[in-house]
Amino acid sequence: MPPFHSNDVSGLFIGEDCSIWTGGWIDAVKSYGTAVFDSRIEIGDRTYIGRNCHIIACDKMKIGKEVVIADGVYITDNLHGYENPNAPILYEPLVVRGPVVIDDQAWLGERVCVMPGVTIGRHSVIGSNSVVTKDIPPYSVAVGAPARIIKQYDVKSGKWEKC
């Protein structure tokens, strides 16, 4: 749904039957300051991206099939540098910490923040307002800032177990 913003759509690969709602910013950053990036964002089939989401990559980002991304979610593989105390942070170089992968059928609640270098496993749920700073295994429920796992699916019992 227009309008959503992207500085350069050449690095975006969007699957079939995806829904991308208004007010979002999806950007495969090609350059920032003097740095040049070979960025790519892949979004799998039937993925839903809610309103006002920001998805920003300087490297590689993969969002799987049938993922639900609620309103106001922020996903990034980079951060602004801040090491030079004499330079405005806006002009510091971007620091790429590693690719982001969100596997098939994951669900990210409203205002979730996914930080660089993180993988969220298949069919995992991230609770609203959580900040994901480390990998979440498949079939897990994670909440909080930083996000911590509170439930996982146990294959042997066939039930969701509290952690």
Protein backbone atom coordinates (compact mmCIF):
# COMPACT_ATOMS: atom_id res chain seq x y z
CA MET A 1 0.00 0.00 0.00
CA PRO A 2 1.50 3.34 -0.95
CA PRO A 3 3.12 5.31 0.36
CA PHE A 4 6.13 3.40 1.58
CA HIS A 5 9.63 4.77 1.17
CA SER A 6 12.79 3.28 -0.34
CA ASN A 7 15.83 5.17 -1.59
CA ASP A 8 16.70 2.45 -4.12
CA VAL A 9 14.50 -0.57 -4.88
CA SER A 10 17.24 -2.38 -6.83
CA GLY A 11 18.29 -4.26 -3.68
CA LEU A 12 14.76 -5.35 -2.73
CA PHE A 13 13.43 -8.79 -3.69
CA ILE A 14 9.82 -9.23 -2.65
CA GLY A 15 7.98 -12.55 -3.01
CA GLU A 16 4.44 -13.20 -4.18
CA ASP A 17 1.30 -12.16 -2.32
CA CYS A 18 3.10 -9.97 0.21
CA SER A 19 1.34 -7.15 2.06
CA ILE A 20 3.35 -4.02 2.83
CA TRP A 21 1.25 -1.35 4.54
CA THR A 22 1.54 2.43 4.63
CA GLY A 23 4.20 4.59 6.22
CA GLY A 24 7.02 2.04 6.02
CA TRP A 25 10.63 2.48 5.02
CA ILE A 26 12.36 -0.49 3.41
CA ASP A 27 15.86 0.32 2.24
CA ALA A 28 18.79 -1.71 0.96
CA VAL A 29 21.39 1.02 1.54
CA LYS A 30 23.83 1.32 -1.38
CA SER A 31 26.00 4.10 0.07
CA TYR A 32 26.37 6.27 3.13
CA GLY A 33 29.00 8.97 3.31
CA THR A 34 32.04 7.49 1.56
CA ALA A 35 31.06 3.85 2.20
CA VAL A 36 29.58 1.70 -0.57
CA PHE A 37 27.49 -1.38 0.23
CA ASP A 38 26.31 -4.43 -1.73
CA SER A 39 23.01 -4.69 0.12
CA ARG A 40 20.10 -7.05 -0.47
CA ILE A 41 16.78 -7.55 1.31
CA GLU A 42 14.78 -10.69 0.47
CA ILE A 43 11.16 -10.96 1.60
CA GLY A 44 9.47 -14.34 1.16
CA ASP A 45 6.04 -15.15 -0.23
CA ARG A 46 2.90 -14.27 1.70
CA THR A 47 4.73 -12.15 4.26
CA TYR A 48 2.82 -9.35 5.99
CA ILE A 49 4.56 -6.09 6.93
CA GLY A 50 2.47 -3.71 9.03
CA ARG A 51 2.24 0.06 9.07
CA ASN A 52 5.22 2.31 9.85
CA CYS A 53 7.85 -0.45 9.79
CA HIS A 54 11.50 0.38 9.15
CA ILE A 55 13.59 -2.36 7.54
CA ILE A 56 17.13 -1.19 6.75
CA ALA A 57 20.09 -3.26 5.49
CA CYS A 58 23.62 -2.47 4.38
CA ASP A 59 24.55 -6.14 3.95
CA LYS A 60 22.16 -9.07 3.61
CA MET A 61 18.78 -9.52 5.20
CA LYS A 62 16.38 -12.40 4.67
CA ILE A 63 12.79 -12.38 5.84
CA GLY A 64 11.18 -15.75 5.19
CA LYS A 65 7.80 -16.89 3.93
CA GLU A 66 4.56 -16.28 5.82
CA VAL A 67 6.21 -13.99 8.37
CA VAL A 68 3.99 -11.53 10.25
CA ILE A 69 5.62 -8.21 11.10
CA ALA A 70 3.25 -6.03 13.14
CA ASP A 71 3.06 -2.23 13.07
CA GLY A 72 6.04 -0.10 14.05
CA VAL A 73 8.71 -2.83 13.87
CA TYR A 74 12.35 -1.84 13.29
CA ILE A 75 14.79 -4.34 11.73
CA THR A 76 18.39 -3.42 10.92
CA ASP A 77 21.77 -4.97 10.22
CA ASN A 78 23.70 -1.78 11.01
CA LEU A 79 24.18 0.98 13.57
CA HIS A 80 25.57 4.49 13.45
CA GLY A 81 29.11 4.70 14.77
CA TYR A 82 29.57 6.98 17.77
CA GLU A 83 33.22 6.52 18.69
CA ASN A 84 34.43 10.02 17.73
CA PRO A 85 33.15 12.36 20.46
CA ASN A 86 34.03 15.38 18.28
CA ALA A 87 31.83 14.33 15.36
CA PRO A 88 28.05 14.42 15.19
CA ILE A 89 26.72 10.85 15.24
CA LEU A 90 24.78 11.61 12.05
CA TYR A 91 28.10 11.85 10.17
CA GLU A 92 29.79 8.85 11.75
CA PRO A 93 30.13 5.80 9.45
CA LEU A 94 27.55 3.03 9.58
CA VAL A 95 28.80 -0.10 11.36
CA VAL A 96 27.55 -3.36 9.86
CA ARG A 97 27.41 -6.05 12.55
CA GLY A 98 26.15 -8.96 10.48
CA PRO A 99 23.18 -10.21 8.51
CA VAL A 100 19.67 -10.53 9.88
CA VAL A 101 17.58 -13.64 9.18
CA ILE A 102 13.94 -14.04 10.13
CA ASP A 103 12.90 -17.59 9.28
CA ASP A 104 9.55 -18.72 7.87
CA GLN A 105 6.35 -18.28 9.88
CA ALA A 106 7.86 -16.05 12.57
CA TRP A 107 5.68 -13.40 14.19
CA LEU A 108 7.08 -10.07 15.41
CA GLY A 109 4.68 -8.14 17.65
CA GLU A 110 4.14 -4.39 17.57
CA ARG A 111 7.19 -2.15 18.00
CA VAL A 112 9.70 -5.02 18.11
CA CYS A 113 13.28 -4.01 17.41
CA VAL A 114 15.58 -6.59 15.73
CA MET A 115 19.25 -5.68 16.01
CA PRO A 116 22.16 -6.55 13.68
CA GLY A 117 23.54 -10.08 13.41
CA VAL A 118 20.40 -11.78 14.73
CA THR A 119 18.57 -14.88 13.48
CA ILE A 120 15.00 -15.50 14.57
CA GLY A 121 14.10 -19.17 14.07
CA ARG A 122 11.15 -20.68 12.26
CA HIS A 123 7.71 -20.26 13.85
CA SER A 124 9.07 -18.13 16.69
CA VAL A 125 7.08 -15.36 18.34
CA ILE A 126 8.61 -12.10 19.55
CA GLY A 127 6.39 -10.20 21.99
CA SER A 128 5.49 -6.54 21.50
CA ASN A 129 8.10 -3.93 22.47
CA SER A 130 10.88 -6.53 22.65
CA VAL A 131 14.46 -5.80 21.59
CA VAL A 132 16.10 -8.82 19.97
CA THR A 133 19.88 -8.66 20.50
CA LYS A 134 20.79 -12.34 20.10
CA ASP A 135 19.58 -15.38 18.15
CA ILE A 136 16.20 -16.89 18.97
CA PRO A 137 15.94 -20.64 18.23
CA PRO A 138 13.09 -22.09 16.15
CA TYR A 139 9.73 -22.63 17.86
CA SER A 140 10.42 -20.19 20.68
CA VAL A 141 8.55 -17.35 22.36
CA ALA A 142 10.74 -14.42 23.44
CA VAL A 143 9.85 -11.18 25.21
CA GLY A 144 11.54 -8.19 26.83
CA ALA A 145 14.37 -5.76 26.37
CA PRO A 146 16.63 -7.51 25.76
CA ALA A 147 14.42 -10.36 24.56
CA ARG A 148 14.68 -13.61 26.48
CA ILE A 149 13.08 -16.95 25.70
CA ILE A 150 10.07 -17.77 27.92
CA LYS A 151 8.66 -20.80 26.03
CA GLN A 152 9.87 -23.39 23.54
CA TYR A 153 8.14 -26.17 21.68
CA ASP A 154 9.23 -29.61 22.90
CA VAL A 155 9.20 -32.08 20.01
CA LYS A 156 9.13 -35.10 22.36
CA SER A 157 6.06 -33.99 24.30
CA GLY A 158 4.41 -32.12 21.45
CA LYS A 159 3.74 -29.19 23.83
CA TRP A 160 4.94 -25.67 24.44
CA GLU A 161 7.05 -25.68 27.62
CA LYS A 162 7.91 -22.71 29.85
CA CYS A 163 11.61 -21.92 30.15
